[in-house]
Amino acid sequence: GAQIAYKFAQNHDRLMITYHSNKEAAEKIQEECLRQGASEIDILELDLTSDDSIEDAVKRVEGFGGIDILINNAGTLLPGDLSSKNFEQIAAAMRTNLEGPIKLTSKLLPHIRLVIVNIGSTLSKIGKRGRTVYCAGKWGLRGFTKALAKESSLNIYQVNPGLTATKMGDYEGVLPEKVGEIVFNAAIGQYGIKSGDDIDVINYLPGHAWKRMLKKIFRRASL
């Protein structure tokens, strides 16, 4: 999330970023965004498991004058087999990964002018043992992305990272800076894809661009 914010800051954009509980970390990101060129930045506490918190966030966005781009980036992993999870854990994870983003987006739709980017996962396309609840949420988010694209005039995409070197990924995998760059490029329409399409991060990393080009060539040849 921080790296996504920095990319928009470098573009001298006006930002509103949310945090769940760590206000001090959010304030540091706010300072860094200003240092990197953000024209203005506001921070907002947001708990996607709370309807009241979502409603408060929407009111703040209204006061902000609306937004051009919404990035739905929140996520929680909840590792372990399904048999080890209780109802409370399952509900909290699904509210964060799926229900919350849907509710927030539904309330913000009248205030979004251009683009919605949902942050999914490679696990929105495949199942993995020990990630049952996470897969369910991300598969649902992907379906939400594709369906909403058919009923909205906005451009709506889902970016699917694989293992990323953040706390959730035990700091292994693709650098967050690279994922942030891909999210930013998706938001500004650099990839020229249709609304509702997936942007799989692995296909946009150095060394994979030629594979993406071949896919386009083969697709055109089959038409």
C-alpha atoms as a PDB file:
ATOM      1  CA  GLY A   1       0.000   0.000   0.000  1.00  0.00           C
ATOM      2  CA  ALA A   2       2.775   2.435   0.857  1.00  0.00           C
ATOM      3  CA  GLN A   3       4.518   1.831  -2.457  1.00  0.00           C
ATOM      4  CA  ILE A   4       1.300   2.424  -4.387  1.00  0.00           C
ATOM      5  CA  ALA A   5       0.877   5.717  -2.544  1.00  0.00           C
ATOM      6  CA  TYR A   6       4.447   6.741  -3.370  1.00  0.00           C
ATOM      7  CA  LYS A   7       3.883   6.198  -7.096  1.00  0.00           C
ATOM      8  CA  PHE A   8       0.903   8.542  -7.068  1.00  0.00           C
ATOM      9  CA  ALA A   9       2.860  11.011  -4.938  1.00  0.00           C
ATOM     10  CA  GLN A  10       5.632  11.054  -7.540  1.00  0.00           C
ATOM     11  CA  ASN A  11       2.938  11.968 -10.054  1.00  0.00           C
ATOM     12  CA  HIS A  12       2.116  15.018  -7.871  1.00  0.00           C
ATOM     13  CA  ASP A  13      -1.392  13.744  -7.198  1.00  0.00           C
ATOM     14  CA  ARG A  14      -3.721  14.588  -4.345  1.00  0.00           C
ATOM     15  CA  LEU A  15      -4.098  11.521  -2.122  1.00  0.00           C
ATOM     16  CA  MET A  16      -6.259  10.059   0.581  1.00  0.00           C
ATOM     17  CA  ILE A  17      -4.785   6.960   2.211  1.00  0.00           C
ATOM     18  CA  THR A  18      -6.391   4.734   4.819  1.00  0.00           C
ATOM     19  CA  TYR A  19      -4.984   2.708   7.677  1.00  0.00           C
ATOM     20  CA  HIS A  20      -6.531   0.064   9.911  1.00  0.00           C
ATOM     21  CA  SER A  21      -4.865   0.657  13.266  1.00  0.00           C
ATOM     22  CA  ASN A  22      -1.294   1.929  12.938  1.00  0.00           C
ATOM     23  CA  LYS A  23      -1.743   5.694  12.733  1.00  0.00           C
ATOM     24  CA  GLU A  24       1.949   6.367  13.361  1.00  0.00           C
ATOM     25  CA  ALA A  25       2.943   4.337  10.302  1.00  0.00           C
ATOM     26  CA  ALA A  26       0.299   6.141   8.237  1.00  0.00           C
ATOM     27  CA  GLU A  27       1.667   9.507   9.325  1.00  0.00           C
ATOM     28  CA  LYS A  28       5.176   8.481   8.246  1.00  0.00           C
ATOM     29  CA  ILE A  29       3.830   7.469   4.832  1.00  0.00           C
ATOM     30  CA  GLN A  30       1.998  10.783   4.673  1.00  0.00           C
ATOM     31  CA  GLU A  31       5.256  12.658   5.300  1.00  0.00           C
ATOM     32  CA  GLU A  32       7.095  10.596   2.698  1.00  0.00           C
ATOM     33  CA  CYS A  33       4.369  11.159   0.106  1.00  0.00           C
ATOM     34  CA  LEU A  34       4.652  14.905   0.603  1.00  0.00           C
ATOM     35  CA  ARG A  35       8.432  14.652   0.299  1.00  0.00           C
ATOM     36  CA  GLN A  36       8.059  12.710  -2.964  1.00  0.00           C
ATOM     37  CA  GLY A  37       5.756  15.304  -4.483  1.00  0.00           C
ATOM     38  CA  ALA A  38       2.131  14.728  -3.467  1.00  0.00           C
ATOM     39  CA  SER A  39       0.189  17.964  -3.927  1.00  0.00           C
ATOM     40  CA  GLU A  40      -1.916  17.146  -0.870  1.00  0.00           C
ATOM     41  CA  ILE A  41      -2.508  14.073   1.292  1.00  0.00           C
ATOM     42  CA  ASP A  42      -5.015  13.117   3.944  1.00  0.00           C
ATOM     43  CA  ILE A  43      -4.984   9.992   6.137  1.00  0.00           C
ATOM     44  CA  LEU A  44      -8.074   8.203   7.348  1.00  0.00           C
ATOM     45  CA  GLU A  45      -8.699   5.339   9.764  1.00  0.00           C
ATOM     46  CA  LEU A  46     -10.759   2.630   8.073  1.00  0.00           C
ATOM     47  CA  ASP A  47     -11.948  -0.743   9.377  1.00  0.00           C
ATOM     48  CA  LEU A  48     -13.567  -2.663   6.533  1.00  0.00           C
ATOM     49  CA  THR A  49     -15.245  -5.027   8.990  1.00  0.00           C
ATOM     50  CA  SER A  50     -17.262  -2.095  10.403  1.00  0.00           C
ATOM     51  CA  ASP A  51     -20.198  -0.573   8.523  1.00  0.00           C
ATOM     52  CA  ASP A  52     -19.904   2.593  10.613  1.00  0.00           C
ATOM     53  CA  SER A  53     -16.238   2.977   9.681  1.00  0.00           C
ATOM     54  CA  ILE A  54     -17.077   2.551   5.991  1.00  0.00           C
ATOM     55  CA  GLU A  55     -19.826   5.170   6.231  1.00  0.00           C
ATOM     56  CA  ASP A  56     -17.420   7.585   7.946  1.00  0.00           C
ATOM     57  CA  ALA A  57     -14.860   7.058   5.189  1.00  0.00           C
ATOM     58  CA  VAL A  58     -17.442   7.803   2.516  1.00  0.00           C
ATOM     59  CA  LYS A  59     -18.341  11.073   4.257  1.00  0.00           C
ATOM     60  CA  ARG A  60     -14.660  12.045   4.268  1.00  0.00           C
ATOM     61  CA  VAL A  61     -14.407  11.316   0.546  1.00  0.00           C
ATOM     62  CA  GLU A  62     -17.466  13.481  -0.063  1.00  0.00           C
ATOM     63  CA  GLY A  63     -15.726  16.285   1.822  1.00  0.00           C
ATOM     64  CA  PHE A  64     -12.604  15.622  -0.259  1.00  0.00           C
ATOM     65  CA  GLY A  65     -14.607  16.512  -3.373  1.00  0.00           C
ATOM     66  CA  GLY A  66     -14.797  12.997  -4.779  1.00  0.00           C
ATOM     67  CA  ILE A  67     -11.967  10.934  -6.233  1.00  0.00           C
ATOM     68  CA  ASP A  68     -10.668   9.994  -9.681  1.00  0.00           C
ATOM     69  CA  ILE A  69      -9.250   6.598  -8.695  1.00  0.00           C
ATOM     70  CA  LEU A  70     -10.115   4.069  -5.983  1.00  0.00           C
ATOM     71  CA  ILE A  71      -7.546   1.414  -5.048  1.00  0.00           C
ATOM     72  CA  ASN A  72      -9.027  -1.414  -2.953  1.00  0.00           C
ATOM     73  CA  ASN A  73      -5.837  -2.758  -1.391  1.00  0.00           C
ATOM     74  CA  ALA A  74      -6.829  -4.183   2.005  1.00  0.00           C
ATOM     75  CA  GLY A  75      -6.316  -7.876   2.672  1.00  0.00           C
ATOM     76  CA  THR A  76      -5.748 -10.411   5.413  1.00  0.00           C
ATOM     77  CA  LEU A  77      -4.293 -13.888   4.935  1.00  0.00           C
ATOM     78  CA  LEU A  78      -5.726 -16.213   7.661  1.00  0.00           C
ATOM     79  CA  PRO A  79      -3.378 -19.153   6.930  1.00  0.00           C
ATOM     80  CA  GLY A  80      -4.226 -22.724   7.887  1.00  0.00           C
ATOM     81  CA  ASP A  81      -6.687 -25.417   6.850  1.00  0.00           C
ATOM     82  CA  LEU A  82     -10.386 -24.593   7.014  1.00  0.00           C
ATOM     83  CA  SER A  83     -10.961 -27.162   9.766  1.00  0.00           C
ATOM     84  CA  SER A  84      -8.801 -25.081  12.114  1.00  0.00           C
ATOM     85  CA  LYS A  85     -10.847 -21.871  11.699  1.00  0.00           C
ATOM     86  CA  ASN A  86     -13.841 -20.742  13.730  1.00  0.00           C
ATOM     87  CA  PHE A  87     -16.807 -18.676  12.532  1.00  0.00           C
ATOM     88  CA  GLU A  88     -15.412 -15.423  13.911  1.00  0.00           C
ATOM     89  CA  GLN A  89     -12.094 -15.817  12.093  1.00  0.00           C
ATOM     90  CA  ILE A  90     -13.786 -16.721   8.824  1.00  0.00           C
ATOM     91  CA  ALA A  91     -16.223 -13.814   9.035  1.00  0.00           C
ATOM     92  CA  ALA A  92     -13.498 -11.270   9.819  1.00  0.00           C
ATOM     93  CA  ALA A  93     -11.332 -12.435   6.917  1.00  0.00           C
ATOM     94  CA  MET A  94     -14.198 -12.407   4.426  1.00  0.00           C
ATOM     95  CA  ARG A  95     -15.324  -8.960   5.565  1.00  0.00           C
ATOM     96  CA  THR A  96     -11.828  -7.586   4.999  1.00  0.00           C
ATOM     97  CA  ASN A  97     -11.080  -9.355   1.718  1.00  0.00           C
ATOM     98  CA  LEU A  98     -14.488  -9.265   0.029  1.00  0.00           C
ATOM     99  CA  GLU A  99     -17.501  -7.857   1.851  1.00  0.00           C
ATOM    100  CA  GLY A 100     -15.790  -4.642   2.963  1.00  0.00           C
ATOM    101  CA  PRO A 101     -14.405  -3.689  -0.459  1.00  0.00           C
ATOM    102  CA  ILE A 102     -17.801  -4.371  -2.041  1.00  0.00           C
ATOM    103  CA  LYS A 103     -19.599  -2.207   0.528  1.00  0.00           C
ATOM    104  CA  LEU A 104     -17.037   0.596   0.298  1.00  0.00           C
ATOM    105  CA  THR A 105     -17.135   0.580  -3.493  1.00  0.00           C
ATOM    106  CA  SER A 106     -20.936   0.574  -3.590  1.00  0.00           C
ATOM    107  CA  LYS A 107     -21.080   3.690  -1.420  1.00  0.00           C
ATOM    108  CA  LEU A 108     -18.260   5.452  -3.267  1.00  0.00           C
ATOM    109  CA  LEU A 109     -19.480   4.778  -6.823  1.00  0.00           C
ATOM    110  CA  PRO A 110     -21.240   8.152  -7.159  1.00  0.00           C
ATOM    111  CA  HIS A 111     -18.004   9.890  -6.126  1.00  0.00           C
ATOM    112  CA  ILE A 112     -15.507   8.050  -8.402  1.00  0.00           C
ATOM    113  CA  ARG A 113     -14.766   9.678 -11.737  1.00  0.00           C
ATOM    114  CA  LEU A 114     -12.402   7.367 -13.605  1.00  0.00           C
ATOM    115  CA  VAL A 115     -10.997   4.063 -12.342  1.00  0.00           C
ATOM    116  CA  ILE A 116     -11.296   1.332  -9.718  1.00  0.00           C
ATOM    117  CA  VAL A 117      -8.380  -1.040  -9.146  1.00  0.00           C
ATOM    118  CA  ASN A 118      -8.969  -4.066  -6.937  1.00  0.00           C
ATOM    119  CA  ILE A 119      -5.889  -5.822  -5.575  1.00  0.00           C
ATOM    120  CA  GLY A 120      -6.430  -9.540  -5.926  1.00  0.00           C
ATOM    121  CA  SER A 121      -3.897 -12.355  -5.931  1.00  0.00           C
ATOM    122  CA  THR A 122      -2.666 -15.247  -8.031  1.00  0.00           C
ATOM    123  CA  LEU A 123      -4.850 -17.190  -5.580  1.00  0.00           C
ATOM    124  CA  SER A 124      -7.915 -15.572  -7.147  1.00  0.00           C
ATOM    125  CA  LYS A 125      -7.366 -18.046 -10.005  1.00  0.00           C
ATOM    126  CA  ILE A 126      -6.064 -21.184  -8.289  1.00  0.00           C
ATOM    127  CA  GLY A 127      -6.801 -22.972  -5.036  1.00  0.00           C
ATOM    128  CA  LYS A 128      -4.107 -23.635  -2.463  1.00  0.00           C
ATOM    129  CA  ARG A 129      -4.195 -25.773   0.628  1.00  0.00           C
ATOM    130  CA  GLY A 130      -3.968 -23.737   3.805  1.00  0.00           C
ATOM    131  CA  ARG A 131      -5.378 -20.669   2.058  1.00  0.00           C
ATOM    132  CA  THR A 132      -9.028 -21.730   1.726  1.00  0.00           C
ATOM    133  CA  VAL A 133     -10.656 -18.622   3.168  1.00  0.00           C
ATOM    134  CA  TYR A 134      -8.191 -16.289   1.457  1.00  0.00           C
ATOM    135  CA  CYS A 135      -8.789 -17.966  -1.922  1.00  0.00           C
ATOM    136  CA  ALA A 136     -12.556 -17.701  -1.440  1.00  0.00           C
ATOM    137  CA  GLY A 137     -12.317 -13.969  -0.778  1.00  0.00           C
ATOM    138  CA  LYS A 138      -9.994 -13.247  -3.690  1.00  0.00           C
ATOM    139  CA  TRP A 139     -11.979 -15.391  -6.134  1.00  0.00           C
ATOM    140  CA  GLY A 140     -15.036 -13.439  -5.021  1.00  0.00           C
ATOM    141  CA  LEU A 141     -13.254 -10.117  -5.519  1.00  0.00           C
ATOM    142  CA  ARG A 142     -12.329 -11.163  -9.056  1.00  0.00           C
ATOM    143  CA  GLY A 143     -15.944 -12.008  -9.826  1.00  0.00           C
ATOM    144  CA  PHE A 144     -17.004  -8.675  -8.351  1.00  0.00           C
ATOM    145  CA  THR A 145     -14.495  -6.880 -10.577  1.00  0.00           C
ATOM    146  CA  LYS A 146     -15.723  -8.546 -13.750  1.00  0.00           C
ATOM    147  CA  ALA A 147     -19.417  -8.113 -12.965  1.00  0.00           C
ATOM    148  CA  LEU A 148     -19.109  -4.464 -11.910  1.00  0.00           C
ATOM    149  CA  ALA A 149     -17.218  -3.695 -15.126  1.00  0.00           C
ATOM    150  CA  LYS A 150     -20.323  -4.755 -17.061  1.00  0.00           C
ATOM    151  CA  GLU A 151     -22.657  -2.385 -15.208  1.00  0.00           C
ATOM    152  CA  SER A 152     -20.413   0.650 -14.721  1.00  0.00           C
ATOM    153  CA  SER A 153     -18.965   3.191 -17.143  1.00  0.00           C
ATOM    154  CA  LEU A 154     -15.798   3.345 -15.018  1.00  0.00           C
ATOM    155  CA  ASN A 155     -12.672   1.409 -15.955  1.00  0.00           C
ATOM    156  CA  ILE A 156     -12.321  -1.421 -13.439  1.00  0.00           C
ATOM    157  CA  TYR A 157      -9.364  -3.782 -13.192  1.00  0.00           C
ATOM    158  CA  GLN A 158      -7.989  -6.414 -10.858  1.00  0.00           C
ATOM    159  CA  VAL A 159      -4.242  -6.561 -10.259  1.00  0.00           C
ATOM    160  CA  ASN A 160      -3.084 -10.012  -9.140  1.00  0.00           C
ATOM    161  CA  PRO A 161       0.289 -10.087  -7.374  1.00  0.00           C
ATOM    162  CA  GLY A 162       2.020 -13.324  -6.528  1.00  0.00           C
ATOM    163  CA  LEU A 163       4.309 -13.655  -3.531  1.00  0.00           C
ATOM    164  CA  THR A 164       5.355 -10.115  -2.580  1.00  0.00           C
ATOM    165  CA  ALA A 165       8.091  -9.083  -0.155  1.00  0.00           C
ATOM    166  CA  THR A 166       5.788  -7.600   2.478  1.00  0.00           C
ATOM    167  CA  LYS A 167       4.936  -8.708   6.005  1.00  0.00           C
ATOM    168  CA  MET A 168       2.148 -10.921   4.613  1.00  0.00           C
ATOM    169  CA  GLY A 169       4.673 -12.660   2.355  1.00  0.00           C
ATOM    170  CA  ASP A 170       7.351 -12.970   5.051  1.00  0.00           C
ATOM    171  CA  TYR A 171       9.341 -10.370   3.083  1.00  0.00           C
ATOM    172  CA  GLU A 172       9.994 -12.798   0.239  1.00  0.00           C
ATOM    173  CA  GLY A 173       9.059 -12.459  -3.425  1.00  0.00           C
ATOM    174  CA  VAL A 174       8.639  -9.526  -5.799  1.00  0.00           C
ATOM    175  CA  LEU A 175       9.675  -6.127  -4.487  1.00  0.00           C
ATOM    176  CA  PRO A 176       6.685  -4.042  -3.324  1.00  0.00           C
ATOM    177  CA  GLU A 177       8.018  -1.120  -5.378  1.00  0.00           C
ATOM    178  CA  LYS A 178       7.555  -3.126  -8.564  1.00  0.00           C
ATOM    179  CA  VAL A 179       4.023  -4.170  -7.646  1.00  0.00           C
ATOM    180  CA  GLY A 180       3.216  -0.561  -6.745  1.00  0.00           C
ATOM    181  CA  GLU A 181       4.449   0.566 -10.151  1.00  0.00           C
ATOM    182  CA  ILE A 182       2.230  -1.969 -11.920  1.00  0.00           C
ATOM    183  CA  VAL A 183      -0.808  -0.894  -9.886  1.00  0.00           C
ATOM    184  CA  PHE A 184      -0.110   2.753 -10.735  1.00  0.00           C
ATOM    185  CA  ASN A 185       0.303   1.970 -14.432  1.00  0.00           C
ATOM    186  CA  ALA A 186      -2.968   0.039 -14.390  1.00  0.00           C
ATOM    187  CA  ALA A 187      -4.753   2.955 -12.737  1.00  0.00           C
ATOM    188  CA  ILE A 188      -3.597   5.477 -15.344  1.00  0.00           C
ATOM    189  CA  GLY A 189      -4.550   3.165 -18.223  1.00  0.00           C
ATOM    190  CA  GLN A 190      -1.058   2.440 -19.471  1.00  0.00           C
ATOM    191  CA  TYR A 191      -1.736  -1.208 -20.342  1.00  0.00           C
ATOM    192  CA  GLY A 192      -4.586  -0.584 -22.760  1.00  0.00           C
ATOM    193  CA  ILE A 193      -6.747  -3.467 -21.587  1.00  0.00           C
ATOM    194  CA  LYS A 194     -10.517  -3.808 -21.337  1.00  0.00           C
ATOM    195  CA  SER A 195     -12.446  -2.914 -18.218  1.00  0.00           C
ATOM    196  CA  GLY A 196     -12.929  -6.051 -16.140  1.00  0.00           C
ATOM    197  CA  ASP A 197      -9.637  -7.622 -17.213  1.00  0.00           C
ATOM    198  CA  ASP A 198      -6.986  -9.102 -14.938  1.00  0.00           C
ATOM    199  CA  ILE A 199      -3.489  -7.707 -14.673  1.00  0.00           C
ATOM    200  CA  ASP A 200      -1.302 -10.571 -13.470  1.00  0.00           C
ATOM    201  CA  VAL A 201       1.831  -9.019 -12.008  1.00  0.00           C
ATOM    202  CA  ILE A 202       4.116 -11.810 -13.212  1.00  0.00           C
ATOM    203  CA  ASN A 203       3.295 -10.947 -16.833  1.00  0.00           C
ATOM    204  CA  TYR A 204       4.447  -7.355 -16.342  1.00  0.00           C
ATOM    205  CA  LEU A 205       7.784  -8.053 -14.695  1.00  0.00           C
ATOM    206  CA  PRO A 206      11.080  -7.712 -16.607  1.00  0.00           C
ATOM    207  CA  GLY A 207      11.635 -10.806 -18.730  1.00  0.00           C
ATOM    208  CA  HIS A 208       7.941 -11.545 -19.098  1.00  0.00           C
ATOM    209  CA  ALA A 209       6.946  -8.717 -21.435  1.00  0.00           C
ATOM    210  CA  TRP A 210       7.818 -10.799 -24.504  1.00  0.00           C
ATOM    211  CA  LYS A 211       5.445 -13.558 -23.358  1.00  0.00           C
ATOM    212  CA  ARG A 212       2.626 -11.033 -23.078  1.00  0.00           C
ATOM    213  CA  MET A 213       3.420  -9.777 -26.578  1.00  0.00           C
ATOM    214  CA  LEU A 214       3.333 -13.316 -27.998  1.00  0.00           C
ATOM    215  CA  LYS A 215      -0.062 -13.920 -26.395  1.00  0.00           C
ATOM    216  CA  LYS A 216      -1.406 -10.813 -28.120  1.00  0.00           C
ATOM    217  CA  ILE A 217       0.025 -11.944 -31.459  1.00  0.00           C
ATOM    218  CA  PHE A 218      -1.501 -15.427 -31.128  1.00  0.00           C
ATOM    219  CA  ARG A 219      -4.845 -13.941 -30.083  1.00  0.00           C
ATOM    220  CA  ARG A 220      -4.922 -11.698 -33.146  1.00  0.00           C
ATOM    221  CA  ALA A 221      -3.891 -14.576 -35.418  1.00  0.00           C
ATOM    222  CA  SER A 222      -6.808 -16.673 -34.167  1.00  0.00           C
ATOM    223  CA  LEU A 223      -9.397 -13.983 -34.946  1.00  0.00           C
END
